[in-house]
Amino acid sequence: MYNRKEKKYFENVRIELLDLIPDENKNGDILEIGAGGGNTLLYAKENDYANNIFGIELFKMEDSNQDNEEFSGFIIGDIEKINFPFQNNKFDVILLGDVLEHLVDPYTVLNNLKKYLKTDGVIVASIPNIREWNTMKTIFLKGDFQYSDVGILDKTHLRFFTKKNIIDLFENNGYVISNIIGSNSKNPSKYLRRLRFIKWFKLLVFEEFINIQYFVVAKIK
């Protein structure tokens, strides 16, 4: 089903993820899993988020940046099946932008990734929130669990998470969450830049019903 998606699905620059990288983890080695055409990683190198960039994507994309010489390594393969060629304690940052929900076993993947992170390295991830109101309304009031081409009920999603499940996913696999931010915007970069003005939003009783996705920054316990 991935080959039915529009090319732009794989070409977005995930600035909102890069902006969550702590300052102490910048300008090092970064791995993006689900790197698409490689645009986010190239942006990261050009804008001082990382010095060395590595990517993994499920399939080869023609007319993309996957073969760009700026990459220190770019692997085509299924992360649940391939053997990573990286040394232990390699990366300052591992990006997982809307990846974990696509996996058969995200729990094992997260657990295995720990050995490739430096002691003070971070995982920065984004995960859809199935508890979002419009999704719940469709399921419970209309009785319709209809998959779509994009969004929370994307046809390629194999796992579904609420905020609680996201926290458990990381904490039960050896991580400490240092930051978790909900976004109710279809433009998450703009939303995250505005957070300093709307921190009160997190205090709302219905916060978990409004957020489309959660952004997580996690370190090894």
Protein backbone atom coordinates (compact mmCIF):
# COMPACT_ATOMS: atom_id res chain seq x y z
CA MET A 1 0.00 0.00 0.00
CA TYR A 2 2.97 2.35 0.41
CA ASN A 3 3.41 2.57 -3.36
CA ARG A 4 -0.06 4.09 -3.61
CA LYS A 5 0.85 7.08 -1.49
CA GLU A 6 1.68 10.42 -3.06
CA LYS A 7 5.40 11.12 -3.32
CA LYS A 8 5.11 14.15 -1.03
CA TYR A 9 4.18 11.77 1.81
CA PHE A 10 7.83 10.67 1.84
CA GLU A 11 9.40 14.06 1.16
CA ASN A 12 8.23 16.21 4.07
CA VAL A 13 10.95 17.89 6.11
CA ARG A 14 10.11 17.11 9.75
CA ILE A 15 11.33 20.36 11.27
CA GLU A 16 9.02 19.87 14.24
CA LEU A 17 10.97 16.73 15.18
CA LEU A 18 14.36 18.36 14.70
CA ASP A 19 13.33 21.30 16.87
CA LEU A 20 12.77 18.91 19.77
CA ILE A 21 16.37 17.70 19.76
CA PRO A 22 18.03 18.97 22.97
CA ASP A 23 20.95 21.33 22.39
CA GLU A 24 23.40 18.89 23.95
CA ASN A 25 22.47 16.25 21.35
CA LYS A 26 22.93 18.44 18.29
CA ASN A 27 25.88 18.44 15.90
CA GLY A 28 26.54 14.72 16.29
CA ASP A 29 25.44 11.50 14.59
CA ILE A 30 21.75 11.19 13.74
CA LEU A 31 19.81 8.21 12.40
CA GLU A 32 16.35 8.59 10.91
CA ILE A 33 14.24 5.46 10.62
CA GLY A 34 11.56 5.91 8.01
CA ALA A 35 13.72 8.51 6.30
CA GLY A 36 11.68 8.62 3.09
CA GLY A 37 13.57 10.53 0.43
CA GLY A 38 16.11 11.80 2.94
CA ASN A 39 15.02 15.43 2.98
CA THR A 40 14.73 15.76 6.75
CA LEU A 41 18.25 14.47 7.27
CA LEU A 42 19.73 16.76 4.64
CA TYR A 43 17.97 19.70 6.28
CA ALA A 44 19.36 18.56 9.64
CA LYS A 45 22.92 18.61 8.33
CA GLU A 46 22.52 21.94 6.55
CA ASN A 47 21.07 23.61 9.65
CA ASP A 48 23.39 22.39 12.40
CA TYR A 49 21.19 19.70 13.90
CA ALA A 50 23.69 16.99 12.93
CA ASN A 51 27.16 16.51 11.48
CA ASN A 52 26.75 12.91 10.25
CA ILE A 53 23.46 11.66 8.88
CA PHE A 54 22.24 8.09 8.42
CA GLY A 55 18.90 6.92 7.06
CA ILE A 56 16.81 3.78 6.81
CA GLU A 57 13.79 3.46 4.53
CA LEU A 58 11.65 0.47 3.65
CA PHE A 59 12.01 0.83 -0.11
CA LYS A 60 14.05 2.53 -2.81
CA MET A 61 12.67 5.84 -4.05
CA GLU A 62 13.61 6.99 -7.52
CA ASP A 63 14.35 10.68 -8.08
CA SER A 64 14.96 11.22 -4.37
CA ASN A 65 17.89 12.18 -2.15
CA GLN A 66 18.49 8.65 -0.88
CA ASP A 67 21.73 8.46 -2.86
CA ASN A 68 22.93 11.92 -1.88
CA GLU A 69 26.66 11.96 -1.11
CA GLU A 70 26.03 13.90 2.10
CA PHE A 71 24.80 10.70 3.75
CA SER A 72 27.25 8.71 5.81
CA GLY A 73 24.96 5.76 5.19
CA PHE A 74 21.51 5.05 3.77
CA ILE A 75 19.97 1.60 4.07
CA ILE A 76 16.98 0.17 2.21
CA GLY A 77 15.22 -2.48 4.24
CA ASP A 78 12.65 -3.49 6.85
CA ILE A 79 13.89 -2.47 10.31
CA GLU A 80 12.11 -5.46 11.83
CA LYS A 81 14.16 -7.85 9.68
CA ILE A 82 17.54 -6.32 8.80
CA ASN A 83 20.69 -6.46 10.88
CA PHE A 84 21.88 -2.93 11.59
CA PRO A 85 25.49 -2.38 10.48
CA PHE A 86 26.08 0.22 13.18
CA GLN A 87 28.36 -0.05 16.17
CA ASN A 88 26.90 0.15 19.65
CA ASN A 89 26.63 3.58 21.31
CA LYS A 90 26.75 5.21 17.88
CA PHE A 91 24.00 7.83 17.72
CA ASP A 92 23.27 11.07 19.52
CA VAL A 93 19.75 11.09 18.06
CA ILE A 94 17.41 8.53 16.51
CA LEU A 95 14.35 9.95 14.75
CA LEU A 96 11.15 7.92 14.51
CA GLY A 97 8.67 10.23 12.81
CA ASP A 98 5.36 8.40 12.46
CA VAL A 99 7.07 5.01 12.26
CA LEU A 100 6.20 2.95 15.34
CA GLU A 101 2.51 2.65 14.45
CA HIS A 102 3.50 0.99 11.15
CA LEU A 103 5.41 -1.86 12.81
CA VAL A 104 4.29 -5.36 13.69
CA ASP A 105 6.30 -5.25 16.92
CA PRO A 106 7.28 -1.67 17.87
CA TYR A 107 8.04 -2.84 21.42
CA THR A 108 10.95 -5.05 20.37
CA VAL A 109 12.22 -2.46 17.91
CA LEU A 110 12.38 0.24 20.59
CA ASN A 111 14.08 -2.14 22.99
CA ASN A 112 16.68 -3.10 20.38
CA LEU A 113 17.44 0.51 19.45
CA LYS A 114 18.82 1.25 22.92
CA LYS A 115 22.16 -0.33 22.15
CA TYR A 116 22.74 2.03 19.22
CA LEU A 117 22.14 5.16 21.29
CA LYS A 118 24.91 6.87 23.17
CA THR A 119 24.48 6.91 26.94
CA ASP A 120 23.05 10.43 26.79
CA GLY A 121 21.44 10.01 23.35
CA VAL A 122 17.76 10.60 22.64
CA ILE A 123 14.96 9.16 20.58
CA VAL A 124 12.63 11.76 19.09
CA ALA A 125 9.37 10.27 17.88
CA SER A 126 5.89 11.25 16.73
CA ILE A 127 2.92 8.92 17.11
CA PRO A 128 -0.77 9.43 16.17
CA ASN A 129 -3.32 9.59 18.97
CA ILE A 130 -6.32 7.34 18.32
CA ARG A 131 -8.19 8.95 21.22
CA GLU A 132 -8.60 12.15 19.17
CA TRP A 133 -12.23 13.25 19.21
CA ASN A 134 -13.11 13.07 15.53
CA THR A 135 -11.67 9.57 15.30
CA MET A 136 -13.56 8.41 18.39
CA LYS A 137 -16.76 10.01 17.10
CA THR A 138 -16.47 8.13 13.83
CA ILE A 139 -15.84 4.82 15.59
CA PHE A 140 -18.28 5.01 18.51
CA LEU A 141 -21.09 7.22 17.25
CA LYS A 142 -21.09 6.15 13.60
CA GLY A 143 -19.85 2.61 14.20
CA ASP A 144 -17.32 3.04 11.43
CA PHE A 145 -13.66 1.96 11.66
CA GLN A 146 -12.92 2.97 8.10
CA TYR A 147 -9.26 3.18 7.10
CA SER A 148 -8.07 6.09 4.98
CA ASP A 149 -5.07 6.98 2.82
CA VAL A 150 -3.59 9.32 5.44
CA GLY A 151 -4.17 10.34 9.04
CA ILE A 152 -4.79 8.47 12.27
CA LEU A 153 -6.55 5.57 10.54
CA ASP A 154 -4.01 5.31 7.74
CA LYS A 155 -4.29 1.98 5.92
CA THR A 156 -0.64 1.24 6.66
CA HIS A 157 -1.02 1.59 10.45
CA LEU A 158 -0.74 -1.71 12.30
CA ARG A 159 -0.73 -0.36 15.87
CA PHE A 160 -2.79 2.30 17.63
CA PHE A 161 -1.88 4.32 20.70
CA THR A 162 -3.31 6.74 23.23
CA LYS A 163 -1.11 8.98 25.36
CA LYS A 164 -1.03 6.35 28.12
CA ASN A 165 -0.02 3.62 25.68
CA ILE A 166 2.74 5.82 24.24
CA ILE A 167 4.17 6.41 27.70
CA ASP A 168 3.99 2.68 28.46
CA LEU A 169 5.61 1.85 25.12
CA PHE A 170 8.73 3.77 26.06
CA GLU A 171 8.87 3.24 29.81
CA ASN A 172 8.30 -0.53 29.56
CA ASN A 173 11.18 -0.82 27.10
CA GLY A 174 13.90 0.89 29.09
CA TYR A 175 13.39 4.60 28.40
CA VAL A 176 12.63 7.70 30.43
CA ILE A 177 10.47 10.29 28.68
CA SER A 178 11.98 13.73 29.12
CA ASN A 179 9.35 15.51 27.02
CA ILE A 180 5.94 14.63 25.61
CA ILE A 181 3.93 17.22 23.69
CA GLY A 182 0.52 16.89 22.12
CA SER A 183 -0.37 18.63 18.87
CA ASN A 184 -3.88 19.39 17.64
CA SER A 185 -2.64 21.07 14.49
CA LYS A 186 -2.27 19.79 10.95
CA ASN A 187 0.78 22.06 10.84
CA PRO A 188 2.76 20.68 13.82
CA SER A 189 5.82 22.88 13.23
CA LYS A 190 3.71 26.01 13.59
CA TYR A 191 1.89 24.53 16.57
CA LEU A 192 5.06 23.66 18.46
CA ARG A 193 6.50 27.12 17.89
CA ARG A 194 3.37 28.56 19.51
CA LEU A 195 3.48 26.32 22.57
CA ARG A 196 5.25 28.90 24.74
CA PHE A 197 2.10 31.02 24.45
CA ILE A 198 -0.42 28.28 25.15
CA LYS A 199 1.11 26.07 27.84
CA TRP A 200 -2.18 26.29 29.70
CA PHE A 201 -3.61 24.08 26.97
CA LYS A 202 -2.01 21.02 28.55
CA LEU A 203 -4.11 21.59 31.68
CA LEU A 204 -7.41 21.12 29.86
CA VAL A 205 -9.41 18.11 30.93
CA PHE A 206 -10.02 17.08 27.33
CA GLU A 207 -6.47 17.57 26.08
CA GLU A 208 -6.13 13.94 25.01
CA PHE A 209 -9.29 14.14 22.90
CA ILE A 210 -8.06 17.19 20.99
CA ASN A 211 -4.53 16.12 20.09
CA ILE A 212 -3.97 14.49 16.72
CA GLN A 213 -0.51 13.21 17.67
CA TYR A 214 2.14 13.19 20.37
CA PHE A 215 5.81 14.08 20.14
CA VAL A 216 8.14 12.21 22.48
CA VAL A 217 11.73 12.81 23.53
CA ALA A 218 13.12 9.83 25.44
CA LYS A 219 16.44 8.76 26.94
CA ILE A 220 17.73 5.42 28.15
CA LYS A 221 16.98 4.71 31.81
